[in-house]
Amino acid sequence: MPARKSANTEVSVEKPVASAIPGADVRLLEVVAEAIRAKVAAGEDAEAIQQELEVSPHVFRELLTHSYKMVGRAPEIFDYQERLRIGEIEA
């Protein structure tokens, strides 16, 4: 008896690309940190970067001065601010 295909092999599962631009979902700190560093290295104004990426001054400063993995409370603060931004929690 010939073998049958049980699934369509032409379909591929792609992971959504994480974005640093604010949207409807919670962003990843790693992605935002990399975007901030790239923009600063390109010579963009710090205030413009903060406004564009909607990051608090506290988190922005910590991301510029440390690795996001070693930053004091930036991960918790960032996560809280992201959940506030998308309306998941209320202040």
N, C-alpha and C. Protein backbone atom coordinates (compact mmCIF):
# COMPACT_ATOMS: atom_id res chain seq x y z
N MET A 1 0.83 -1.16 0.00
CA MET A 1 0.00 0.00 0.00
C MET A 1 0.89 1.25 0.00
N PRO A 2 0.60 2.23 -0.85
CA PRO A 2 1.45 3.43 -0.91
C PRO A 2 1.27 4.31 0.32
N ALA A 3 2.33 4.99 0.66
CA ALA A 3 2.29 5.90 1.81
C ALA A 3 1.51 7.15 1.45
N ARG A 4 0.77 7.66 2.41
CA ARG A 4 0.00 8.88 2.20
C ARG A 4 0.60 10.02 3.01
N LYS A 5 0.44 11.19 2.48
CA LYS A 5 0.86 12.37 3.23
C LYS A 5 -0.23 12.70 4.24
N SER A 6 0.18 12.90 5.48
CA SER A 6 -0.81 13.22 6.51
C SER A 6 -0.91 14.71 6.77
N ALA A 7 0.04 15.47 6.27
CA ALA A 7 0.02 16.91 6.47
C ALA A 7 0.58 17.61 5.24
N ASN A 8 0.20 18.83 5.07
CA ASN A 8 0.71 19.62 3.97
C ASN A 8 2.15 20.01 4.27
N THR A 9 3.08 19.59 3.44
CA THR A 9 4.49 19.88 3.69
C THR A 9 4.91 21.25 3.18
N GLU A 10 4.02 21.94 2.47
CA GLU A 10 4.35 23.25 1.94
C GLU A 10 4.16 24.36 2.96
N VAL A 11 3.52 24.06 4.06
CA VAL A 11 3.26 25.06 5.09
C VAL A 11 4.47 25.14 6.01
N SER A 12 4.90 26.34 6.27
CA SER A 12 6.02 26.52 7.20
C SER A 12 5.55 27.35 8.39
N VAL A 13 6.10 27.04 9.52
CA VAL A 13 5.78 27.79 10.73
C VAL A 13 6.91 28.77 10.97
N GLU A 14 6.58 30.04 10.95
CA GLU A 14 7.59 31.07 11.16
C GLU A 14 7.33 31.78 12.48
N LYS A 15 8.39 32.02 13.20
CA LYS A 15 8.27 32.78 14.44
C LYS A 15 8.05 34.24 14.10
N PRO A 16 7.17 34.91 14.84
CA PRO A 16 7.02 36.34 14.60
C PRO A 16 8.30 37.07 14.98
N VAL A 17 8.66 38.04 14.19
CA VAL A 17 9.87 38.81 14.45
C VAL A 17 9.57 39.81 15.57
N ALA A 18 10.41 39.77 16.59
CA ALA A 18 10.23 40.69 17.72
C ALA A 18 10.60 42.10 17.27
N SER A 19 9.79 43.06 17.69
CA SER A 19 10.01 44.44 17.29
C SER A 19 10.27 45.32 18.50
N ALA A 20 11.09 46.33 18.31
CA ALA A 20 11.36 47.30 19.38
C ALA A 20 10.34 48.43 19.35
N ILE A 21 9.61 48.56 18.26
CA ILE A 21 8.62 49.62 18.11
C ILE A 21 7.39 49.25 18.95
N PRO A 22 6.87 50.21 19.73
CA PRO A 22 5.69 49.92 20.56
C PRO A 22 4.50 49.48 19.71
N GLY A 23 3.85 48.43 20.18
CA GLY A 23 2.68 47.91 19.47
C GLY A 23 1.66 47.43 20.47
N ALA A 24 0.88 46.44 20.08
CA ALA A 24 -0.20 45.93 20.93
C ALA A 24 0.28 44.86 21.90
N ASP A 25 1.50 44.37 21.73
CA ASP A 25 2.03 43.31 22.59
C ASP A 25 3.18 43.82 23.45
N VAL A 26 3.47 43.05 24.49
CA VAL A 26 4.60 43.36 25.36
C VAL A 26 5.87 43.05 24.57
N ARG A 27 6.79 44.01 24.54
CA ARG A 27 8.05 43.82 23.83
C ARG A 27 9.06 43.11 24.71
N LEU A 28 10.08 42.58 24.09
CA LEU A 28 11.17 41.94 24.83
C LEU A 28 12.23 42.99 25.16
N LEU A 29 12.69 42.96 26.39
CA LEU A 29 13.71 43.91 26.83
C LEU A 29 14.97 43.78 25.98
N GLU A 30 15.33 42.57 25.63
CA GLU A 30 16.55 42.35 24.84
C GLU A 30 16.48 43.08 23.49
N VAL A 31 15.31 43.02 22.87
CA VAL A 31 15.12 43.65 21.55
C VAL A 31 15.17 45.17 21.68
N VAL A 32 14.51 45.70 22.69
CA VAL A 32 14.49 47.15 22.91
C VAL A 32 15.89 47.64 23.26
N ALA A 33 16.60 46.89 24.10
CA ALA A 33 17.96 47.28 24.49
C ALA A 33 18.88 47.35 23.27
N GLU A 34 18.77 46.37 22.39
CA GLU A 34 19.60 46.35 21.19
C GLU A 34 19.25 47.52 20.26
N ALA A 35 17.98 47.84 20.15
CA ALA A 35 17.56 48.96 19.31
C ALA A 35 18.07 50.28 19.87
N ILE A 36 18.01 50.43 21.18
CA ILE A 36 18.51 51.66 21.81
C ILE A 36 20.00 51.81 21.56
N ARG A 37 20.75 50.75 21.77
CA ARG A 37 22.21 50.82 21.57
C ARG A 37 22.55 51.14 20.11
N ALA A 38 21.82 50.55 19.18
CA ALA A 38 22.07 50.81 17.76
C ALA A 38 21.78 52.26 17.40
N LYS A 39 20.69 52.80 17.92
CA LYS A 39 20.32 54.19 17.63
C LYS A 39 21.30 55.17 18.26
N VAL A 40 21.76 54.87 19.47
CA VAL A 40 22.74 55.75 20.12
C VAL A 40 24.05 55.70 19.34
N ALA A 41 24.45 54.51 18.91
CA ALA A 41 25.69 54.37 18.13
C ALA A 41 25.59 55.12 16.79
N ALA A 42 24.38 55.22 16.26
CA ALA A 42 24.17 55.93 14.99
C ALA A 42 24.11 57.45 15.20
N GLY A 43 24.15 57.88 16.47
CA GLY A 43 24.19 59.31 16.76
C GLY A 43 22.83 59.97 16.93
N GLU A 44 21.79 59.20 17.11
CA GLU A 44 20.45 59.79 17.30
C GLU A 44 20.35 60.41 18.69
N ASP A 45 19.46 61.38 18.80
CA ASP A 45 19.24 62.10 20.05
C ASP A 45 18.56 61.18 21.07
N ALA A 46 19.05 61.21 22.31
CA ALA A 46 18.54 60.33 23.36
C ALA A 46 17.06 60.57 23.63
N GLU A 47 16.64 61.81 23.69
CA GLU A 47 15.23 62.11 23.96
C GLU A 47 14.33 61.60 22.84
N ALA A 48 14.79 61.72 21.60
CA ALA A 48 14.01 61.24 20.46
C ALA A 48 13.88 59.72 20.50
N ILE A 49 14.94 59.04 20.90
CA ILE A 49 14.91 57.59 21.01
C ILE A 49 13.92 57.17 22.09
N GLN A 50 13.96 57.84 23.24
CA GLN A 50 13.04 57.52 24.32
C GLN A 50 11.59 57.69 23.88
N GLN A 51 11.29 58.77 23.18
CA GLN A 51 9.93 59.03 22.73
C GLN A 51 9.49 58.03 21.66
N GLU A 52 10.39 57.73 20.74
CA GLU A 52 10.05 56.80 19.66
C GLU A 52 9.78 55.40 20.19
N LEU A 53 10.63 54.93 21.11
CA LEU A 53 10.49 53.58 21.64
C LEU A 53 9.65 53.50 22.90
N GLU A 54 9.21 54.65 23.40
CA GLU A 54 8.38 54.72 24.61
C GLU A 54 9.01 53.96 25.78
N VAL A 55 10.21 54.38 26.13
CA VAL A 55 10.95 53.80 27.25
C VAL A 55 11.16 54.88 28.30
N SER A 56 11.01 54.53 29.56
CA SER A 56 11.19 55.51 30.62
C SER A 56 12.65 55.94 30.72
N PRO A 57 12.92 57.14 31.22
CA PRO A 57 14.29 57.60 31.36
C PRO A 57 15.13 56.68 32.25
N HIS A 58 14.53 56.13 33.30
CA HIS A 58 15.25 55.23 34.21
C HIS A 58 15.75 54.00 33.47
N VAL A 59 14.86 53.33 32.76
CA VAL A 59 15.24 52.12 32.02
C VAL A 59 16.22 52.48 30.91
N PHE A 60 15.99 53.59 30.24
CA PHE A 60 16.88 54.03 29.16
C PHE A 60 18.32 54.20 29.66
N ARG A 61 18.47 54.90 30.78
CA ARG A 61 19.82 55.11 31.34
C ARG A 61 20.47 53.79 31.74
N GLU A 62 19.71 52.92 32.37
CA GLU A 62 20.29 51.64 32.79
C GLU A 62 20.69 50.78 31.60
N LEU A 63 19.91 50.81 30.53
CA LEU A 63 20.25 50.03 29.35
C LEU A 63 21.50 50.55 28.66
N LEU A 64 21.73 51.84 28.72
CA LEU A 64 22.92 52.41 28.10
C LEU A 64 24.18 52.15 28.92
N THR A 65 24.03 52.06 30.23
CA THR A 65 25.22 51.94 31.08
C THR A 65 25.57 50.52 31.48
N HIS A 66 24.66 49.58 31.28
CA HIS A 66 24.90 48.19 31.68
C HIS A 66 24.34 47.24 30.64
N SER A 67 24.71 45.98 30.79
CA SER A 67 24.07 44.94 30.00
C SER A 67 22.67 44.73 30.55
N TYR A 68 21.68 44.47 29.68
CA TYR A 68 20.31 44.30 30.15
C TYR A 68 20.19 43.11 31.10
N LYS A 69 21.11 42.14 31.01
CA LYS A 69 21.05 40.97 31.89
C LYS A 69 21.59 41.29 33.28
N MET A 70 22.39 42.34 33.40
CA MET A 70 23.02 42.65 34.67
C MET A 70 22.43 43.89 35.34
N VAL A 71 21.44 44.48 34.73
CA VAL A 71 20.86 45.71 35.24
C VAL A 71 20.04 45.40 36.48
N GLY A 72 20.14 46.28 37.47
CA GLY A 72 19.42 46.11 38.72
C GLY A 72 17.97 45.72 38.58
N ARG A 73 17.09 46.69 38.48
CA ARG A 73 15.66 46.42 38.43
C ARG A 73 15.04 46.74 37.07
N ALA A 74 15.84 47.05 36.09
CA ALA A 74 15.31 47.43 34.79
C ALA A 74 14.39 46.37 34.18
N PRO A 75 14.71 45.08 34.25
CA PRO A 75 13.78 44.10 33.66
C PRO A 75 12.39 44.14 34.29
N GLU A 76 12.32 44.25 35.62
CA GLU A 76 11.01 44.30 36.28
C GLU A 76 10.28 45.60 35.96
N ILE A 77 11.02 46.71 35.98
CA ILE A 77 10.42 48.01 35.67
C ILE A 77 9.92 48.03 34.23
N PHE A 78 10.73 47.53 33.30
CA PHE A 78 10.36 47.51 31.90
C PHE A 78 9.11 46.67 31.69
N ASP A 79 9.06 45.49 32.29
CA ASP A 79 7.90 44.62 32.15
C ASP A 79 6.64 45.30 32.69
N TYR A 80 6.75 45.93 33.84
CA TYR A 80 5.62 46.65 34.44
C TYR A 80 5.14 47.77 33.52
N GLN A 81 6.08 48.56 33.00
CA GLN A 81 5.73 49.67 32.12
C GLN A 81 5.11 49.19 30.81
N GLU A 82 5.58 48.06 30.30
CA GLU A 82 5.01 47.50 29.08
C GLU A 82 3.56 47.06 29.32
N ARG A 83 3.31 46.42 30.44
CA ARG A 83 1.95 45.97 30.75
C ARG A 83 1.01 47.17 30.97
N LEU A 84 1.55 48.25 31.55
CA LEU A 84 0.76 49.47 31.66
C LEU A 84 0.45 50.06 30.29
N ARG A 85 1.47 50.08 29.42
CA ARG A 85 1.34 50.68 28.10
C ARG A 85 0.27 49.98 27.27
N ILE A 86 0.20 48.66 27.32
CA ILE A 86 -0.78 47.95 26.51
C ILE A 86 -2.13 47.83 27.19
N GLY A 87 -2.23 48.28 28.45
CA GLY A 87 -3.50 48.27 29.16
C GLY A 87 -3.81 46.97 29.88
N GLU A 88 -2.80 46.13 30.05
CA GLU A 88 -3.00 44.86 30.73
C GLU A 88 -3.24 45.07 32.23
N ILE A 89 -2.59 46.08 32.79
CA ILE A 89 -2.80 46.45 34.18
C ILE A 89 -3.07 47.95 34.25
N GLU A 90 -3.68 48.37 35.34
CA GLU A 90 -3.95 49.79 35.52
C GLU A 90 -3.11 50.33 36.66
N ALA A 91 -2.70 51.57 36.54
CA ALA A 91 -1.87 52.20 37.56
C ALA A 91 -2.70 52.62 38.75
